[in-house]
Protein backbone atom coordinates (compact mmCIF):
# COMPACT_ATOMS: atom_id res chain seq x y z
CA MET A 1 -4.20 -23.59 -26.49
CA LYS A 2 -2.54 -26.80 -25.33
CA LEU A 3 1.06 -26.86 -24.12
CA SER A 4 3.44 -29.45 -22.75
CA ALA A 5 4.45 -27.15 -19.88
CA ARG A 6 2.58 -28.14 -16.74
CA ASN A 7 3.08 -24.89 -14.86
CA GLN A 8 0.52 -22.50 -16.33
CA LEU A 9 -0.61 -19.67 -14.08
CA LYS A 10 -3.52 -17.48 -15.20
CA GLY A 11 -3.63 -13.88 -14.05
CA LYS A 12 -4.20 -10.25 -14.87
CA ILE A 13 -1.48 -7.97 -16.25
CA VAL A 14 -0.87 -5.20 -13.72
CA THR A 15 2.25 -3.56 -15.19
CA ILE A 16 4.12 -3.45 -18.47
CA LYS A 17 7.50 -1.69 -18.18
CA GLU A 18 8.55 -1.04 -21.76
CA GLY A 19 12.18 -0.75 -22.79
CA ALA A 20 13.90 -0.27 -26.12
CA VAL A 21 14.08 -4.01 -26.87
CA ASN A 22 12.39 -5.87 -23.99
CA ALA A 23 9.51 -5.32 -21.58
CA ILE A 24 8.93 -6.55 -18.05
CA VAL A 25 5.38 -7.83 -17.71
CA ILE A 26 4.00 -8.28 -14.19
CA LEU A 27 1.08 -10.65 -13.78
CA ASP A 28 -1.13 -10.80 -10.67
CA ILE A 29 -1.88 -14.50 -10.15
CA GLY A 30 -4.04 -14.03 -7.05
CA GLY A 31 -3.55 -14.55 -3.36
CA GLY A 32 -1.27 -11.52 -3.18
CA ASN A 33 1.20 -13.18 -5.58
CA GLN A 34 2.73 -11.65 -8.67
CA ILE A 35 5.07 -13.08 -11.27
CA SER A 36 7.21 -11.16 -13.73
CA ALA A 37 8.58 -12.08 -17.12
CA THR A 38 10.99 -10.31 -19.43
CA ILE A 39 9.81 -10.64 -23.03
CA SER A 40 10.57 -8.85 -26.27
CA MET A 41 8.69 -5.72 -27.25
CA ASP A 42 7.74 -7.54 -30.46
CA SER A 43 5.99 -10.18 -28.33
CA VAL A 44 4.15 -7.51 -26.32
CA LYS A 45 2.81 -6.10 -29.59
CA ASP A 46 2.15 -9.47 -31.27
CA LEU A 47 0.17 -10.70 -28.24
CA ASN A 48 -1.58 -7.32 -27.90
CA LEU A 49 -0.73 -7.23 -24.17
CA THR A 50 -2.29 -4.41 -22.18
CA VAL A 51 -2.62 -3.60 -18.50
CA GLY A 52 -5.81 -5.19 -17.21
CA SER A 53 -5.94 -8.00 -19.75
CA GLN A 54 -5.82 -11.70 -18.85
CA ALA A 55 -2.72 -13.74 -19.67
CA TYR A 56 -0.87 -16.88 -18.64
CA ALA A 57 2.60 -17.28 -17.18
CA VAL A 58 3.94 -20.52 -18.64
CA ILE A 59 6.95 -21.95 -16.81
CA LYS A 60 9.06 -24.67 -18.35
CA ALA A 61 12.29 -25.49 -16.56
CA THR A 62 14.55 -28.48 -16.40
CA SER A 63 15.83 -27.53 -12.96
CA VAL A 64 14.49 -25.46 -10.10
CA MET A 65 16.68 -24.60 -7.12
CA ILE A 66 15.61 -23.81 -3.59
CA GLY A 67 17.81 -22.00 -1.08
CA VAL A 68 17.67 -20.95 2.53
CA ASP A 69 19.49 -18.35 4.60
CA VAL A 70 22.25 -19.83 6.76
């Protein structure tokens, strides 16, 4: 697999919270860090995602904001 997105984080699926249409997939990317993504249930099935399997979080954004408490 080769993608144009530069931010590709490999990890292990720790949770899949299934809904009627979408699922929230939580990926442990190491160092005590987790990332979540909301994807369609069709994608969960098409990619054969299961808890414990390896997957990538692919992040493609044109803008990223950073904020601080005032």
